[in-house]
Amino acid sequence: MSGVFDRHPWTRWTLPGAAVAGLVAGGLFLPSTASADGLPARSAEQLLADVQQAQVPGLTGHVTETADLGLPS
């Protein structure tokens, strides 16, 4: 029984080709959208002072880790 890759060898390159095309398009599009025109001009000293004075409420959470290694109990 022959598969689609045997009948049409070009099909095995369509997914990698589409991924490369997407990365190239993203590389061309992202620099134009990542501009910092809306941010105020700040010096490094001003930024560090603001970070030191920031009041951040505490964060809480719960982490559960399980490992199923397939070993009998």
PDB file of N, CA and C in Angstrom:
ATOM      1  N   MET A   1       0.854  -1.169   0.000  1.00  0.00           N
ATOM      2  CA  MET A   1       0.000   0.000   0.000  1.00  0.00           C
ATOM      3  C   MET A   1       0.899   1.231   0.000  1.00  0.00           C
ATOM      4  N   SER A   2       0.725   2.102  -0.949  1.00  0.00           N
ATOM      5  CA  SER A   2       1.569   3.285  -1.028  1.00  0.00           C
ATOM      6  C   SER A   2       0.855   4.461  -0.374  1.00  0.00           C
ATOM      7  N   GLY A   3       1.635   5.262   0.315  1.00  0.00           N
ATOM      8  CA  GLY A   3       1.094   6.427   0.988  1.00  0.00           C
ATOM      9  C   GLY A   3       1.174   7.656   0.116  1.00  0.00           C
ATOM     10  N   VAL A   4       0.680   8.749   0.654  1.00  0.00           N
ATOM     11  CA  VAL A   4       0.672   9.997  -0.094  1.00  0.00           C
ATOM     12  C   VAL A   4       2.100  10.486  -0.350  1.00  0.00           C
ATOM     13  N   PHE A   5       3.019  10.180   0.555  1.00  0.00           N
ATOM     14  CA  PHE A   5       4.401  10.611   0.363  1.00  0.00           C
ATOM     15  C   PHE A   5       5.086   9.815  -0.743  1.00  0.00           C
ATOM     16  N   ASP A   6       4.653   8.582  -0.957  1.00  0.00           N
ATOM     17  CA  ASP A   6       5.226   7.775  -2.027  1.00  0.00           C
ATOM     18  C   ASP A   6       4.692   8.216  -3.391  1.00  0.00           C
ATOM     19  N   ARG A   7       3.426   8.559  -3.446  1.00  0.00           N
ATOM     20  CA  ARG A   7       2.825   8.971  -4.712  1.00  0.00           C
ATOM     21  C   ARG A   7       3.214  10.393  -5.095  1.00  0.00           C
ATOM     22  N   HIS A   8       3.349  11.275  -4.099  1.00  0.00           N
ATOM     23  CA  HIS A   8       3.673  12.684  -4.341  1.00  0.00           C
ATOM     24  C   HIS A   8       4.815  13.087  -3.414  1.00  0.00           C
ATOM     25  N   PRO A   9       6.058  12.889  -3.842  1.00  0.00           N
ATOM     26  CA  PRO A   9       7.189  13.198  -2.963  1.00  0.00           C
ATOM     27  C   PRO A   9       7.266  14.662  -2.530  1.00  0.00           C
ATOM     28  N   TRP A  10       6.717  15.575  -3.305  1.00  0.00           N
ATOM     29  CA  TRP A  10       6.775  16.991  -2.945  1.00  0.00           C
ATOM     30  C   TRP A  10       5.978  17.292  -1.687  1.00  0.00           C
ATOM     31  N   THR A  11       5.009  16.414  -1.337  1.00  0.00           N
ATOM     32  CA  THR A  11       4.169  16.686  -0.170  1.00  0.00           C
ATOM     33  C   THR A  11       4.952  16.624   1.135  1.00  0.00           C
ATOM     34  N   ARG A  12       6.049  15.891   1.160  1.00  0.00           N
ATOM     35  CA  ARG A  12       6.815  15.827   2.410  1.00  0.00           C
ATOM     36  C   ARG A  12       7.554  17.123   2.687  1.00  0.00           C
ATOM     37  N   TRP A  13       7.628  18.024   1.713  1.00  0.00           N
ATOM     38  CA  TRP A  13       8.295  19.308   1.905  1.00  0.00           C
ATOM     39  C   TRP A  13       7.315  20.453   2.125  1.00  0.00           C
ATOM     40  N   THR A  14       6.019  20.181   2.060  1.00  0.00           N
ATOM     41  CA  THR A  14       5.059  21.279   2.189  1.00  0.00           C
ATOM     42  C   THR A  14       5.020  21.841   3.610  1.00  0.00           C
ATOM     43  N   LEU A  15       5.007  20.997   4.628  1.00  0.00           N
ATOM     44  CA  LEU A  15       4.961  21.494   6.001  1.00  0.00           C
ATOM     45  C   LEU A  15       6.238  22.244   6.373  1.00  0.00           C
ATOM     46  N   PRO A  16       7.432  21.694   6.132  1.00  0.00           N
ATOM     47  CA  PRO A  16       8.631  22.487   6.422  1.00  0.00           C
ATOM     48  C   PRO A  16       8.701  23.777   5.608  1.00  0.00           C
ATOM     49  N   GLY A  17       8.254  23.720   4.360  1.00  0.00           N
ATOM     50  CA  GLY A  17       8.259  24.924   3.536  1.00  0.00           C
ATOM     51  C   GLY A  17       7.310  25.986   4.080  1.00  0.00           C
ATOM     52  N   ALA A  18       6.144  25.553   4.518  1.00  0.00           N
ATOM     53  CA  ALA A  18       5.192  26.499   5.101  1.00  0.00           C
ATOM     54  C   ALA A  18       5.733  27.075   6.404  1.00  0.00           C
ATOM     55  N   ALA A  19       6.429  26.263   7.193  1.00  0.00           N
ATOM     56  CA  ALA A  19       7.015  26.754   8.447  1.00  0.00           C
ATOM     57  C   ALA A  19       8.091  27.797   8.165  1.00  0.00           C
ATOM     58  N   VAL A  20       8.933  27.548   7.190  1.00  0.00           N
ATOM     59  CA  VAL A  20       9.978  28.518   6.834  1.00  0.00           C
ATOM     60  C   VAL A  20       9.341  29.803   6.317  1.00  0.00           C
ATOM     61  N   ALA A  21       8.332  29.681   5.493  1.00  0.00           N
ATOM     62  CA  ALA A  21       7.654  30.871   4.967  1.00  0.00           C
ATOM     63  C   ALA A  21       7.014  31.668   6.097  1.00  0.00           C
ATOM     64  N   GLY A  22       6.437  30.987   7.072  1.00  0.00           N
ATOM     65  CA  GLY A  22       5.850  31.675   8.222  1.00  0.00           C
ATOM     66  C   GLY A  22       6.890  32.388   9.059  1.00  0.00           C
ATOM     67  N   LEU A  23       8.040  31.756   9.254  1.00  0.00           N
ATOM     68  CA  LEU A  23       9.109  32.401  10.017  1.00  0.00           C
ATOM     69  C   LEU A  23       9.656  33.627   9.295  1.00  0.00           C
ATOM     70  N   VAL A  24       9.808  33.523   7.991  1.00  0.00           N
ATOM     71  CA  VAL A  24      10.297  34.667   7.219  1.00  0.00           C
ATOM     72  C   VAL A  24       9.284  35.802   7.270  1.00  0.00           C
ATOM     73  N   ALA A  25       8.016  35.488   7.095  1.00  0.00           N
ATOM     74  CA  ALA A  25       6.981  36.522   7.144  1.00  0.00           C
ATOM     75  C   ALA A  25       6.915  37.144   8.536  1.00  0.00           C
ATOM     76  N   GLY A  26       7.036  36.339   9.576  1.00  0.00           N
ATOM     77  CA  GLY A  26       7.046  36.872  10.936  1.00  0.00           C
ATOM     78  C   GLY A  26       8.253  37.749  11.187  1.00  0.00           C
ATOM     79  N   GLY A  27       9.398  37.363  10.646  1.00  0.00           N
ATOM     80  CA  GLY A  27      10.601  38.166  10.805  1.00  0.00           C
ATOM     81  C   GLY A  27      10.508  39.505  10.105  1.00  0.00           C
ATOM     82  N   LEU A  28       9.747  39.554   9.041  1.00  0.00           N
ATOM     83  CA  LEU A  28       9.559  40.823   8.334  1.00  0.00           C
ATOM     84  C   LEU A  28       8.492  41.686   8.995  1.00  0.00           C
ATOM     85  N   PHE A  29       7.497  41.044   9.618  1.00  0.00           N
ATOM     86  CA  PHE A  29       6.371  41.776  10.184  1.00  0.00           C
ATOM     87  C   PHE A  29       6.643  42.262  11.606  1.00  0.00           C
ATOM     88  N   LEU A  30       7.303  41.475  12.433  1.00  0.00           N
ATOM     89  CA  LEU A  30       7.476  41.812  13.841  1.00  0.00           C
ATOM     90  C   LEU A  30       8.299  43.069  14.091  1.00  0.00           C
ATOM     91  N   PRO A  31       9.391  43.325  13.397  1.00  0.00           N
ATOM     92  CA  PRO A  31      10.120  44.560  13.687  1.00  0.00           C
ATOM     93  C   PRO A  31       9.291  45.823  13.465  1.00  0.00           C
ATOM     94  N   SER A  32       8.359  45.783  12.543  1.00  0.00           N
ATOM     95  CA  SER A  32       7.540  46.970  12.307  1.00  0.00           C
ATOM     96  C   SER A  32       6.488  47.148  13.397  1.00  0.00           C
ATOM     97  N   THR A  33       6.068  46.079  14.067  1.00  0.00           N
ATOM     98  CA  THR A  33       5.056  46.196  15.109  1.00  0.00           C
ATOM     99  C   THR A  33       5.668  46.351  16.490  1.00  0.00           C
ATOM    100  N   ALA A  34       6.946  46.121  16.640  1.00  0.00           N
ATOM    101  CA  ALA A  34       7.576  46.174  17.955  1.00  0.00           C
ATOM    102  C   ALA A  34       8.232  47.515  18.224  1.00  0.00           C
ATOM    103  N   SER A  35       7.824  48.546  17.540  1.00  0.00           N
ATOM    104  CA  SER A  35       8.429  49.852  17.771  1.00  0.00           C
ATOM    105  C   SER A  35       7.942  50.412  19.097  1.00  0.00           C
ATOM    106  N   ALA A  36       8.766  51.217  19.734  1.00  0.00           N
ATOM    107  CA  ALA A  36       8.467  51.772  21.048  1.00  0.00           C
ATOM    108  C   ALA A  36       8.073  53.240  20.933  1.00  0.00           C
ATOM    109  N   ASP A  37       7.291  53.602  19.927  1.00  0.00           N
ATOM    110  CA  ASP A  37       6.915  54.997  19.723  1.00  0.00           C
ATOM    111  C   ASP A  37       6.001  55.510  20.824  1.00  0.00           C
ATOM    112  N   GLY A  38       5.176  54.655  21.412  1.00  0.00           N
ATOM    113  CA  GLY A  38       4.215  55.083  22.416  1.00  0.00           C
ATOM    114  C   GLY A  38       4.795  55.189  23.818  1.00  0.00           C
ATOM    115  N   LEU A  39       6.045  54.804  24.024  1.00  0.00           N
ATOM    116  CA  LEU A  39       6.638  54.843  25.351  1.00  0.00           C
ATOM    117  C   LEU A  39       7.319  56.180  25.596  1.00  0.00           C
ATOM    118  N   PRO A  40       7.245  56.677  26.839  1.00  0.00           N
ATOM    119  CA  PRO A  40       7.945  57.932  27.134  1.00  0.00           C
ATOM    120  C   PRO A  40       9.450  57.717  27.183  1.00  0.00           C
ATOM    121  N   ALA A  41      10.209  58.757  26.885  1.00  0.00           N
ATOM    122  CA  ALA A  41      11.665  58.667  26.952  1.00  0.00           C
ATOM    123  C   ALA A  41      12.086  58.636  28.417  1.00  0.00           C
ATOM    124  N   ARG A  42      12.865  57.619  28.789  1.00  0.00           N
ATOM    125  CA  ARG A  42      13.297  57.468  30.184  1.00  0.00           C
ATOM    126  C   ARG A  42      14.758  57.086  30.186  1.00  0.00           C
ATOM    127  N   SER A  43      15.443  57.531  31.194  1.00  0.00           N
ATOM    128  CA  SER A  43      16.832  57.135  31.351  1.00  0.00           C
ATOM    129  C   SER A  43      16.884  55.841  32.157  1.00  0.00           C
ATOM    130  N   ALA A  44      18.026  55.204  32.165  1.00  0.00           N
ATOM    131  CA  ALA A  44      18.185  53.972  32.937  1.00  0.00           C
ATOM    132  C   ALA A  44      18.004  54.244  34.422  1.00  0.00           C
ATOM    133  N   GLU A  45      18.464  55.391  34.907  1.00  0.00           N
ATOM    134  CA  GLU A  45      18.327  55.738  36.320  1.00  0.00           C
ATOM    135  C   GLU A  45      16.864  55.895  36.706  1.00  0.00           C
ATOM    136  N   GLN A  46      16.069  56.529  35.839  1.00  0.00           N
ATOM    137  CA  GLN A  46      14.642  56.695  36.117  1.00  0.00           C
ATOM    138  C   GLN A  46      13.940  55.338  36.167  1.00  0.00           C
ATOM    139  N   LEU A  47      14.283  54.471  35.252  1.00  0.00           N
ATOM    140  CA  LEU A  47      13.665  53.152  35.214  1.00  0.00           C
ATOM    141  C   LEU A  47      14.017  52.348  36.463  1.00  0.00           C
ATOM    142  N   LEU A  48      15.279  52.361  36.874  1.00  0.00           N
ATOM    143  CA  LEU A  48      15.684  51.629  38.075  1.00  0.00           C
ATOM    144  C   LEU A  48      15.032  52.202  39.328  1.00  0.00           C
ATOM    145  N   ALA A  49      14.883  53.515  39.406  1.00  0.00           N
ATOM    146  CA  ALA A  49      14.219  54.129  40.555  1.00  0.00           C
ATOM    147  C   ALA A  49      12.759  53.700  40.618  1.00  0.00           C
ATOM    148  N   ASP A  50      12.090  53.659  39.484  1.00  0.00           N
ATOM    149  CA  ASP A  50      10.694  53.230  39.461  1.00  0.00           C
ATOM    150  C   ASP A  50      10.545  51.765  39.852  1.00  0.00           C
ATOM    151  N   VAL A  51      11.468  50.929  39.423  1.00  0.00           N
ATOM    152  CA  VAL A  51      11.415  49.510  39.781  1.00  0.00           C
ATOM    153  C   VAL A  51      11.616  49.332  41.277  1.00  0.00           C
ATOM    154  N   GLN A  52      12.515  50.107  41.886  1.00  0.00           N
ATOM    155  CA  GLN A  52      12.755  50.003  43.320  1.00  0.00           C
ATOM    156  C   GLN A  52      11.559  50.474  44.129  1.00  0.00           C
ATOM    157  N   GLN A  53      10.799  51.413  43.627  1.00  0.00           N
ATOM    158  CA  GLN A  53       9.666  51.970  44.353  1.00  0.00           C
ATOM    159  C   GLN A  53       8.359  51.246  44.062  1.00  0.00           C
ATOM    160  N   ALA A  54       8.360  50.294  43.187  1.00  0.00           N
ATOM    161  CA  ALA A  54       7.126  49.600  42.802  1.00  0.00           C
ATOM    162  C   ALA A  54       6.596  48.777  43.968  1.00  0.00           C
ATOM    163  N   GLN A  55       5.290  48.815  44.146  1.00  0.00           N
ATOM    164  CA  GLN A  55       4.606  48.031  45.172  1.00  0.00           C
ATOM    165  C   GLN A  55       3.884  46.867  44.489  1.00  0.00           C
ATOM    166  N   VAL A  56       4.470  45.691  44.577  1.00  0.00           N
ATOM    167  CA  VAL A  56       3.899  44.517  43.924  1.00  0.00           C
ATOM    168  C   VAL A  56       3.260  43.644  44.997  1.00  0.00           C
ATOM    169  N   PRO A  57       1.969  43.328  44.864  1.00  0.00           N
ATOM    170  CA  PRO A  57       1.349  42.434  45.840  1.00  0.00           C
ATOM    171  C   PRO A  57       1.950  41.043  45.726  1.00  0.00           C
ATOM    172  N   GLY A  58       1.901  40.316  46.806  1.00  0.00           N
ATOM    173  CA  GLY A  58       2.454  38.962  46.811  1.00  0.00           C
ATOM    174  C   GLY A  58       1.742  38.048  45.845  1.00  0.00           C
ATOM    175  N   LEU A  59       2.465  37.120  45.315  1.00  0.00           N
ATOM    176  CA  LEU A  59       1.898  36.139  44.395  1.00  0.00           C
ATOM    177  C   LEU A  59       1.731  34.814  45.137  1.00  0.00           C
ATOM    178  N   THR A  60       0.649  34.146  44.866  1.00  0.00           N
ATOM    179  CA  THR A  60       0.425  32.838  45.469  1.00  0.00           C
ATOM    180  C   THR A  60       0.109  31.849  44.370  1.00  0.00           C
ATOM    181  N   GLY A  61       0.300  30.594  44.689  1.00  0.00           N
ATOM    182  CA  GLY A  61      -0.007  29.556  43.717  1.00  0.00           C
ATOM    183  C   GLY A  61       0.269  28.186  44.304  1.00  0.00           C
ATOM    184  N   HIS A  62      -0.058  27.179  43.543  1.00  0.00           N
ATOM    185  CA  HIS A  62       0.142  25.807  43.968  1.00  0.00           C
ATOM    186  C   HIS A  62       0.722  25.044  42.781  1.00  0.00           C
ATOM    187  N   VAL A  63       1.803  24.350  43.018  1.00  0.00           N
ATOM    188  CA  VAL A  63       2.436  23.580  41.974  1.00  0.00           C
ATOM    189  C   VAL A  63       2.354  22.103  42.342  1.00  0.00           C
ATOM    190  N   THR A  64       1.888  21.302  41.423  1.00  0.00           N
ATOM    191  CA  THR A  64       1.817  19.859  41.625  1.00  0.00           C
ATOM    192  C   THR A  64       2.664  19.202  40.549  1.00  0.00           C
ATOM    193  N   GLU A  65       3.546  18.323  40.963  1.00  0.00           N
ATOM    194  CA  GLU A  65       4.411  17.616  40.032  1.00  0.00           C
ATOM    195  C   GLU A  65       4.188  16.122  40.186  1.00  0.00           C
ATOM    196  N   THR A  66       3.946  15.469  39.080  1.00  0.00           N
ATOM    197  CA  THR A  66       3.800  14.024  39.103  1.00  0.00           C
ATOM    198  C   THR A  66       4.719  13.432  38.050  1.00  0.00           C
ATOM    199  N   ALA A  67       5.216  12.267  38.337  1.00  0.00           N
ATOM    200  CA  ALA A  67       6.098  11.596  37.383  1.00  0.00           C
ATOM    201  C   ALA A  67       5.577  10.171  37.203  1.00  0.00           C
ATOM    202  N   ASP A  68       5.187   9.852  36.005  1.00  0.00           N
ATOM    203  CA  ASP A  68       4.725   8.502  35.685  1.00  0.00           C
ATOM    204  C   ASP A  68       5.789   7.874  34.795  1.00  0.00           C
ATOM    205  N   LEU A  69       6.639   7.079  35.434  1.00  0.00           N
ATOM    206  CA  LEU A  69       7.736   6.460  34.710  1.00  0.00           C
ATOM    207  C   LEU A  69       7.382   5.086  34.147  1.00  0.00           C
ATOM    208  N   GLY A  70       6.158   4.668  34.369  1.00  0.00           N
ATOM    209  CA  GLY A  70       5.733   3.365  33.860  1.00  0.00           C
ATOM    210  C   GLY A  70       6.198   2.213  34.706  1.00  0.00           C
ATOM    211  N   LEU A  71       6.678   2.491  35.897  1.00  0.00           N
ATOM    212  CA  LEU A  71       7.133   1.429  36.787  1.00  0.00           C
ATOM    213  C   LEU A  71       5.979   0.912  37.615  1.00  0.00           C
ATOM    214  N   PRO A  72       5.982  -0.363  37.956  1.00  0.00           N
ATOM    215  CA  PRO A  72       4.914  -0.870  38.808  1.00  0.00           C
ATOM    216  C   PRO A  72       5.039  -0.299  40.230  1.00  0.00           C
ATOM    217  N   SER A  73       3.896  -0.149  40.870  1.00  0.00           N
ATOM    218  CA  SER A  73       3.919   0.440  42.226  1.00  0.00           C
ATOM    219  C   SER A  73       4.375  -0.527  43.291  1.00  0.00           C
TER     220      SER A  73
END
